[in-house]
């Protein structure tokens, strides 16, 4: 009960902050990389998040989401390439440029590209699938839920399909793999660059004492709303049929009361399903989950290098995901053939019966790949590669 009250209070607080920001507006932050403007001849605008640039370096809120630190890292790499960097917030609907920019990187599909001069290099930053594909997939999931269960829920995230900035961009950059890129290829024929998400460098977890014979029976769903789009409903229909297996849910379920009503019996009256609420990364409860579970499972219909999965991979949890999660599972994880209940259930049972030593090997391999490809160092290295290519585009534009 106390956890539910805290969840409701937290949600109300976040909603009030959003409303206040819409009324007060968002500040545009100039020269966030604190360089000498006399020595820098180029200026870049990042339209993403202003919040991390107003936080101290040791602020614990940087552990709330990877994108906070990533914003600062993108600005830092831009500085390496000779740009003074200004930042506007993606939620700022009043923003209009007051100076000339050589480069604009915007996570906002519906702004008019013509507000910037013709010689400005315009880049759209995507964090998910092409909106048209996303909307189609999400609506399909909700329709399937309605037919299976009779619950008429409303999707949380239906995105605008009016995307003038995307269509007017010179290039696209975003989270994910070739599959995610392929969805944007449906509407954009120019250069598209992808990069991977990462887990937090602060995570310190040893697998040496982990009991993999027990962990193979325990699965973790770690995610934020929308829970139907992320496939939690599918898992809640599978696990009650297998009481020997356990599903741990690291999610702020109170955010979606309609979903909780639809699955109240499964969530709160089923012994092998454990709603853990919002779990802070690097907390003792977080490490207990990492030690207890063998797998992180996310049968989502729309992601892009899903941050929750990558975070768990950095602690050695083997991913079981759909292709829409935007992560190549290679030889360590499992990409589901499809998102049917039958396929998900079959895969869960196969993985639960995997010999403990095989799971240990997969777990070690998962962590090895996470450290090599899904790390902050790899993220920064890839951004340097991308910006090197973008500079060639910029010179061609002039």
Protein backbone atom coordinates (compact mmCIF):
# COMPACT_ATOMS: atom_id res chain seq x y z
CA UNK A 1 0.00 0.00 0.00
CA UNK A 2 2.81 2.42 0.91
CA UNK A 3 4.51 1.71 -2.44
CA UNK A 4 1.26 2.47 -4.29
CA UNK A 5 0.80 5.77 -2.41
CA UNK A 6 4.37 6.79 -3.21
CA UNK A 7 3.81 5.89 -6.87
CA UNK A 8 0.64 8.01 -7.09
CA UNK A 9 2.33 10.98 -5.38
CA UNK A 10 5.33 10.72 -7.69
CA UNK A 11 3.11 10.59 -10.79
CA UNK A 12 1.07 13.61 -9.65
CA UNK A 13 4.28 15.54 -8.96
CA UNK A 14 5.67 14.75 -12.42
CA UNK A 15 2.40 15.75 -14.10
CA UNK A 16 2.37 19.08 -12.23
CA UNK A 17 5.94 19.74 -13.32
CA UNK A 18 5.02 19.15 -16.95
CA UNK A 19 2.03 21.50 -16.70
CA UNK A 20 4.16 24.17 -15.00
CA UNK A 21 6.78 23.95 -17.73
CA UNK A 22 4.18 24.38 -20.45
CA UNK A 23 2.91 27.52 -18.74
CA UNK A 24 6.27 29.02 -17.77
CA UNK A 25 8.16 27.85 -20.84
CA UNK A 26 11.63 26.40 -21.29
CA UNK A 27 14.87 28.38 -21.29
CA UNK A 28 17.21 28.16 -24.26
CA UNK A 29 20.69 27.44 -22.97
CA UNK A 30 23.57 29.06 -24.83
CA UNK A 31 27.13 27.81 -25.09
CA UNK A 32 26.51 24.80 -22.86
CA UNK A 33 29.97 23.43 -23.64
CA UNK A 34 31.50 26.61 -22.17
CA UNK A 35 34.00 27.35 -24.95
CA UNK A 36 35.56 30.61 -26.06
CA UNK A 37 33.26 31.88 -28.77
CA UNK A 38 36.11 33.93 -30.24
CA UNK A 39 37.97 30.71 -31.05
CA UNK A 40 35.01 28.77 -32.45
CA UNK A 41 33.63 29.68 -35.86
CA UNK A 42 30.65 27.28 -35.98
CA UNK A 43 27.46 27.04 -33.92
CA UNK A 44 25.23 24.00 -33.36
CA UNK A 45 21.74 23.73 -31.88
CA UNK A 46 20.63 20.58 -30.06
CA UNK A 47 16.86 20.36 -29.63
CA UNK A 48 16.49 17.58 -27.06
CA UNK A 49 16.64 18.06 -23.26
CA UNK A 50 17.74 21.13 -21.33
CA UNK A 51 17.39 19.53 -17.90
CA UNK A 52 20.78 17.75 -17.76
CA UNK A 53 22.63 21.00 -18.46
CA UNK A 54 21.07 22.51 -15.35
CA UNK A 55 22.15 19.61 -13.13
CA UNK A 56 25.40 19.21 -11.23
CA UNK A 57 27.76 16.52 -12.49
CA UNK A 58 27.22 14.36 -9.40
CA UNK A 59 23.43 14.72 -9.40
CA UNK A 60 21.91 11.27 -8.65
CA UNK A 61 19.12 12.00 -11.13
CA UNK A 62 21.53 11.16 -13.94
CA UNK A 63 20.77 7.55 -13.00
CA UNK A 64 17.07 8.00 -13.81
CA UNK A 65 17.56 7.70 -17.56
CA UNK A 66 20.47 7.34 -19.95
CA UNK A 67 19.34 10.24 -22.14
CA UNK A 68 20.26 12.79 -19.47
CA UNK A 69 23.95 11.97 -19.63
CA UNK A 70 23.78 11.33 -23.37
CA UNK A 71 22.64 14.90 -24.05
CA UNK A 72 25.76 16.25 -22.38
CA UNK A 73 27.97 13.76 -24.18
CA UNK A 74 26.52 14.75 -27.56
CA UNK A 75 27.19 18.40 -26.78
CA UNK A 76 30.74 17.55 -25.72
CA UNK A 77 31.48 15.69 -28.95
CA UNK A 78 30.04 18.58 -30.96
CA UNK A 79 32.51 20.81 -29.13
CA UNK A 80 35.35 18.53 -30.21
CA UNK A 81 34.36 19.25 -33.81
CA UNK A 82 34.55 23.00 -33.31
CA UNK A 83 30.95 23.90 -32.46
CA UNK A 84 29.60 26.26 -29.85
CA UNK A 85 26.53 24.35 -28.66
CA UNK A 86 23.15 25.81 -27.71
CA UNK A 87 20.32 23.63 -26.37
CA UNK A 88 16.55 24.02 -26.65
CA UNK A 89 14.04 21.67 -25.05
CA UNK A 90 12.06 19.28 -27.21
CA UNK A 91 8.89 20.28 -25.32
CA UNK A 92 9.36 23.99 -26.03
CA UNK A 93 6.65 24.82 -28.56
CA UNK A 94 7.51 28.52 -28.50
CA UNK A 95 11.12 28.15 -29.63
CA UNK A 96 12.29 30.17 -32.61
CA UNK A 97 15.99 30.51 -33.48
CA UNK A 98 17.46 33.90 -32.66
CA UNK A 99 20.86 33.29 -34.23
CA UNK A 100 22.38 31.51 -37.21
CA UNK A 101 23.22 27.83 -36.83
CA UNK A 102 25.56 25.80 -38.98
CA UNK A 103 24.13 22.54 -37.64
CA UNK A 104 20.81 21.65 -36.03
CA UNK A 105 20.20 18.25 -34.43
CA UNK A 106 16.55 18.03 -33.38
CA UNK A 107 14.50 15.33 -31.68
CA UNK A 108 11.31 16.94 -32.92
CA UNK A 109 9.54 15.77 -36.06
CA UNK A 110 6.98 18.53 -36.54
CA UNK A 111 9.00 21.74 -36.56
CA UNK A 112 9.29 23.63 -39.83
CA UNK A 113 12.73 23.05 -41.36
CA UNK A 114 12.35 26.37 -43.15
CA UNK A 115 12.82 28.26 -39.87
CA UNK A 116 16.52 27.60 -40.44
CA UNK A 117 18.55 28.98 -43.37
CA UNK A 118 19.11 26.83 -46.45
CA UNK A 119 22.81 26.42 -45.61
CA UNK A 120 22.06 25.00 -42.13
CA UNK A 121 22.74 21.26 -41.93
CA UNK A 122 19.53 19.79 -40.50
CA UNK A 123 19.58 16.42 -38.72
CA UNK A 124 16.67 14.61 -37.11
CA UNK A 125 17.47 12.61 -33.96
CA UNK A 126 15.18 9.57 -33.60
CA UNK A 127 14.72 7.56 -30.42
CA UNK A 128 12.22 5.01 -31.71
CA UNK A 129 10.67 3.52 -34.81
CA UNK A 130 9.27 5.58 -37.67
CA UNK A 131 6.08 7.09 -36.23
CA UNK A 132 3.87 5.49 -38.86
CA UNK A 133 5.23 2.04 -38.04
CA UNK A 134 5.05 2.74 -34.30
CA UNK A 135 1.41 3.79 -34.46
CA UNK A 136 0.46 0.81 -36.60
CA UNK A 137 2.14 -1.64 -34.22
CA UNK A 138 0.66 -0.07 -31.09
CA UNK A 139 -2.89 0.00 -32.44
CA UNK A 140 -2.54 -3.65 -33.42
CA UNK A 141 -1.50 -4.57 -29.87
CA UNK A 142 -4.48 -2.76 -28.32
CA UNK A 143 -6.91 -4.30 -30.77
CA UNK A 144 -5.53 -7.75 -29.95
CA UNK A 145 -5.92 -7.07 -26.21
CA UNK A 146 -9.52 -5.98 -26.71
CA UNK A 147 -10.30 -9.16 -28.63
CA UNK A 148 -8.57 -11.45 -26.14
CA UNK A 149 -9.66 -9.86 -22.92
CA UNK A 150 -12.40 -7.35 -23.61
CA UNK A 151 -10.41 -4.49 -22.06
CA UNK A 152 -10.83 -1.25 -23.99
CA UNK A 153 -7.67 0.65 -23.05
CA UNK A 154 -6.31 3.80 -24.62
CA UNK A 155 -2.78 3.80 -26.09
CA UNK A 156 -0.37 6.06 -24.23
CA UNK A 157 1.84 6.97 -27.15
CA UNK A 158 0.37 7.61 -30.55
CA UNK A 159 2.79 9.92 -32.32
CA UNK A 160 2.08 12.56 -34.92
CA UNK A 161 2.58 11.33 -38.46
CA UNK A 162 3.09 14.88 -39.70
CA UNK A 163 6.90 14.94 -39.86
CA UNK A 164 8.09 17.96 -41.87
CA UNK A 165 11.47 18.20 -40.12
CA UNK A 166 12.22 14.57 -40.96
CA UNK A 167 11.26 15.04 -44.60
CA UNK A 168 13.30 18.24 -44.81
CA UNK A 169 16.36 16.90 -43.00
CA UNK A 170 19.74 16.32 -44.60
CA UNK A 171 20.37 13.23 -42.45
CA UNK A 172 18.89 11.15 -39.64
CA UNK A 173 20.70 9.89 -36.51
CA UNK A 174 19.18 7.61 -33.92
CA UNK A 175 19.14 4.76 -31.46
CA UNK A 176 18.90 1.22 -32.73
CA UNK A 177 20.08 -1.25 -35.32
CA UNK A 178 19.44 -2.01 -38.98
CA UNK A 179 15.82 -2.95 -38.29
CA UNK A 180 15.08 0.42 -36.69
CA UNK A 181 16.83 2.18 -39.58
CA UNK A 182 14.73 0.20 -42.08
CA UNK A 183 11.52 1.69 -40.65
CA UNK A 184 12.83 5.23 -41.32
CA UNK A 185 13.91 4.20 -44.81
CA UNK A 186 10.22 3.95 -45.63
CA UNK A 187 9.96 7.75 -45.64
CA UNK A 188 13.54 9.05 -45.88
CA UNK A 189 16.06 8.34 -48.64
CA UNK A 190 19.06 10.31 -47.31
CA UNK A 191 21.86 9.21 -44.96
CA UNK A 192 20.74 7.46 -41.76
CA UNK A 193 23.17 6.71 -38.93
CA UNK A 194 22.42 4.44 -35.97
CA UNK A 195 24.10 4.05 -32.59
CA UNK A 196 23.54 1.85 -29.54
CA UNK A 197 22.17 2.76 -26.15
CA UNK A 198 24.22 1.95 -23.05
CA UNK A 199 24.00 0.79 -19.46
CA UNK A 200 25.24 2.93 -16.59
CA UNK A 201 28.97 2.78 -15.84
CA UNK A 202 28.12 2.94 -12.13
CA UNK A 203 26.62 -0.56 -12.18
CA UNK A 204 28.88 -2.93 -10.27
CA UNK A 205 27.58 -6.48 -10.25
CA UNK A 206 29.50 -9.71 -9.80
CA UNK A 207 28.10 -12.89 -11.34
CA UNK A 208 30.54 -15.15 -9.50
CA UNK A 209 28.13 -16.13 -6.70
CA UNK A 210 24.96 -16.11 -8.76
CA UNK A 211 22.93 -19.33 -8.62
CA UNK A 212 22.05 -19.86 -12.29
CA UNK A 213 20.06 -23.02 -11.57
CA UNK A 214 17.56 -20.80 -9.73
CA UNK A 215 17.99 -17.73 -11.94
CA UNK A 216 16.89 -19.62 -15.06
CA UNK A 217 13.38 -19.82 -13.58
CA UNK A 218 13.17 -16.08 -12.93
CA UNK A 219 12.38 -13.46 -15.58
CA UNK A 220 12.44 -9.68 -15.27
CA UNK A 221 10.19 -7.23 -17.09
CA UNK A 222 11.75 -3.79 -16.73
CA UNK A 223 9.95 -0.93 -18.41
CA UNK A 224 7.90 2.22 -18.40
CA UNK A 225 4.41 2.77 -19.77
CA UNK A 226 2.96 1.94 -22.29
CA UNK A 227 2.71 -1.61 -20.85
CA UNK A 228 0.52 -3.01 -23.63
CA UNK A 229 2.91 -1.78 -26.31
CA UNK A 230 5.79 -3.28 -24.33
CA UNK A 231 4.06 -6.65 -24.06
CA UNK A 232 3.54 -6.91 -20.31
CA UNK A 233 -0.05 -7.99 -20.94
CA UNK A 234 1.23 -10.98 -22.92
CA UNK A 235 3.52 -12.03 -20.09
CA UNK A 236 0.72 -11.71 -17.54
CA UNK A 237 -1.32 -14.18 -19.57
CA UNK A 238 1.53 -16.67 -19.86
CA UNK A 239 3.12 -16.88 -16.40
CA UNK A 240 0.00 -17.85 -14.40
CA UNK A 241 0.01 -21.09 -16.45
CA UNK A 242 3.50 -21.93 -15.17
CA UNK A 243 3.61 -21.52 -11.37
CA UNK A 244 7.14 -22.94 -11.22
CA UNK A 245 8.40 -19.86 -13.11
CA UNK A 246 8.50 -16.33 -11.73
CA UNK A 247 7.97 -12.95 -13.38
CA UNK A 248 9.37 -9.90 -11.58
CA UNK A 249 8.04 -6.55 -12.76
CA UNK A 250 10.22 -3.48 -12.31
CA UNK A 251 7.74 -0.82 -13.31
CA UNK A 252 5.67 2.00 -11.87
CA UNK A 253 2.36 0.23 -12.51
CA UNK A 254 0.34 2.84 -10.65
CA UNK A 255 0.93 5.15 -13.60
CA UNK A 256 -1.59 3.07 -15.58
CA UNK A 257 -4.55 2.26 -13.35
CA UNK A 258 -6.70 1.04 -16.25
CA UNK A 259 -4.08 -1.56 -17.13
CA UNK A 260 -3.88 -2.63 -13.48
CA UNK A 261 -7.65 -3.06 -13.33
CA UNK A 262 -7.59 -5.19 -16.46
CA UNK A 263 -4.91 -7.47 -14.98
CA UNK A 264 -5.61 -7.10 -11.28
CA UNK A 265 -5.84 -10.83 -10.56
CA UNK A 266 -2.60 -11.61 -12.39
CA UNK A 267 -0.71 -8.67 -10.88
CA UNK A 268 -1.85 -8.86 -7.27
CA UNK A 269 -3.30 -12.33 -6.69
CA UNK A 270 -0.91 -14.62 -8.55
CA UNK A 271 1.90 -16.04 -6.36
CA UNK A 272 4.55 -16.29 -9.10
CA UNK A 273 4.08 -12.73 -10.40
CA UNK A 274 5.87 -10.05 -8.38
CA UNK A 275 5.14 -6.34 -9.04
CA UNK A 276 8.20 -4.59 -7.59
CA UNK A 277 7.25 -1.02 -8.41
CA UNK A 278 9.82 1.55 -9.50
CA UNK A 279 13.28 0.27 -8.56
CA UNK A 280 16.16 2.72 -8.47
CA UNK A 281 19.19 1.65 -10.47
CA UNK A 282 22.17 0.78 -8.26
CA UNK A 283 19.98 0.32 -5.18
CA UNK A 284 20.16 -2.84 -3.08
CA UNK A 285 16.76 -3.87 -4.46
CA UNK A 286 18.12 -3.46 -8.00
CA UNK A 287 21.06 -5.77 -7.32
CA UNK A 288 18.79 -8.31 -5.66
CA UNK A 289 16.79 -8.47 -8.90
CA UNK A 290 19.95 -8.77 -11.01
CA UNK A 291 21.10 -11.65 -8.80
CA UNK A 292 17.73 -13.38 -8.69
CA UNK A 293 16.82 -13.25 -12.39
CA UNK A 294 18.44 -14.94 -15.34
CA UNK A 295 16.60 -13.10 -18.10
CA UNK A 296 15.23 -9.69 -18.98
CA UNK A 297 12.20 -10.08 -21.22
CA UNK A 298 10.64 -7.36 -23.35
CA UNK A 299 8.19 -8.45 -26.08
CA UNK A 300 7.69 -4.84 -27.18
CA UNK A 301 6.20 -3.71 -30.47
CA UNK A 302 8.15 -0.43 -30.66
CA UNK A 303 11.54 0.52 -29.21
CA UNK A 304 15.00 1.53 -30.41
CA UNK A 305 17.98 0.01 -28.61
CA UNK A 306 15.68 -0.41 -25.60
CA UNK A 307 17.40 1.25 -22.64
CA UNK A 308 15.86 -1.02 -20.01
CA UNK A 309 17.16 -4.12 -21.77
CA UNK A 310 20.64 -2.70 -22.37
CA UNK A 311 20.83 -1.67 -18.71
CA UNK A 312 20.05 -5.22 -17.58
CA UNK A 313 22.49 -6.65 -20.14
CA UNK A 314 25.27 -4.71 -18.42
CA UNK A 315 24.52 -6.78 -15.30
CA UNK A 316 24.50 -10.03 -17.27
CA UNK A 317 20.77 -10.65 -17.71
CA UNK A 318 20.18 -12.48 -20.97
CA UNK A 319 17.68 -10.60 -23.19
CA UNK A 320 14.56 -12.19 -24.65
CA UNK A 321 13.14 -9.58 -27.01
CA UNK A 322 11.21 -8.89 -30.18
CA UNK A 323 13.00 -7.46 -33.21
CA UNK A 324 11.22 -4.18 -32.49
CA UNK A 325 13.42 -3.73 -29.42
CA UNK A 326 16.16 -2.68 -31.82
CA UNK A 327 18.95 -4.83 -30.32
CA UNK A 328 20.92 -7.52 -32.15
CA UNK A 329 21.03 -10.48 -29.77
CA UNK A 330 23.74 -12.27 -31.75
CA UNK A 331 24.92 -15.40 -29.91
CA UNK A 332 23.99 -14.31 -26.37
CA UNK A 333 20.27 -13.50 -26.31
CA UNK A 334 17.04 -14.49 -27.99
CA UNK A 335 15.11 -12.54 -30.61
CA UNK A 336 11.58 -13.93 -30.77
CA UNK A 337 10.40 -15.17 -34.16
CA UNK A 338 7.18 -13.19 -33.63
CA UNK A 339 5.14 -11.68 -30.80
CA UNK A 340 2.43 -14.33 -30.56
CA UNK A 341 1.53 -15.76 -27.17
CA UNK A 342 2.51 -19.20 -28.44
CA UNK A 343 6.00 -18.11 -29.55
CA UNK A 344 6.70 -16.15 -26.36
CA UNK A 345 5.51 -19.01 -24.15
CA UNK A 346 7.55 -21.59 -26.06
CA UNK A 347 10.69 -19.49 -25.75
CA UNK A 348 10.17 -18.85 -22.03
CA UNK A 349 9.87 -22.59 -21.37
CA UNK A 350 12.94 -23.36 -23.46
CA UNK A 351 15.03 -20.81 -21.61
CA UNK A 352 13.72 -21.91 -18.20
CA UNK A 353 14.96 -25.42 -19.00
CA UNK A 354 18.37 -24.30 -20.23
CA UNK A 355 21.14 -26.02 -18.23
CA UNK A 356 22.52 -23.73 -15.55
CA UNK A 357 26.01 -23.81 -17.03
CA UNK A 358 24.69 -22.79 -20.46
CA UNK A 359 22.85 -19.87 -18.89
CA UNK A 360 26.03 -18.86 -17.09
CA UNK A 361 27.89 -18.85 -20.40
CA UNK A 362 25.18 -16.77 -22.08
CA UNK A 363 25.17 -14.37 -19.15
CA UNK A 364 28.94 -13.89 -19.32
CA UNK A 365 28.74 -13.39 -23.07
CA UNK A 366 25.89 -10.87 -22.64
CA UNK A 367 27.96 -8.80 -20.26
CA UNK A 368 31.00 -9.04 -22.50
CA UNK A 369 29.04 -7.67 -25.48
CA UNK A 370 27.43 -4.99 -23.32
CA UNK A 371 30.83 -3.74 -22.18
CA UNK A 372 32.19 -3.72 -25.74
CA UNK A 373 29.24 -2.38 -27.75
CA UNK A 374 26.67 -0.97 -25.31
CA UNK A 375 28.90 1.26 -23.21
CA UNK A 376 29.40 5.00 -22.82
CA UNK A 377 32.77 4.72 -24.54
CA UNK A 378 31.20 2.98 -27.56
CA UNK A 379 28.42 5.61 -27.63
CA UNK A 380 30.91 8.50 -27.72
CA UNK A 381 33.13 6.73 -30.26
CA UNK A 382 30.17 6.17 -32.58
CA UNK A 383 29.06 9.81 -32.30
CA UNK A 384 32.54 10.91 -33.32
CA UNK A 385 32.31 8.67 -36.39
CA UNK A 386 28.88 10.04 -37.30
CA UNK A 387 29.87 13.67 -36.86
CA UNK A 388 32.92 13.08 -39.02
CA UNK A 389 30.58 12.02 -41.83
CA UNK A 390 28.21 14.90 -41.13
CA UNK A 391 31.03 17.40 -41.53
CA UNK A 392 31.49 16.14 -45.07
CA UNK A 393 27.78 16.83 -45.67
CA UNK A 394 28.16 20.29 -44.16
CA UNK A 395 31.03 21.12 -46.51
CA UNK A 396 28.99 19.88 -49.47
CA UNK A 397 26.09 22.15 -48.43
CA UNK A 398 28.26 25.25 -48.51
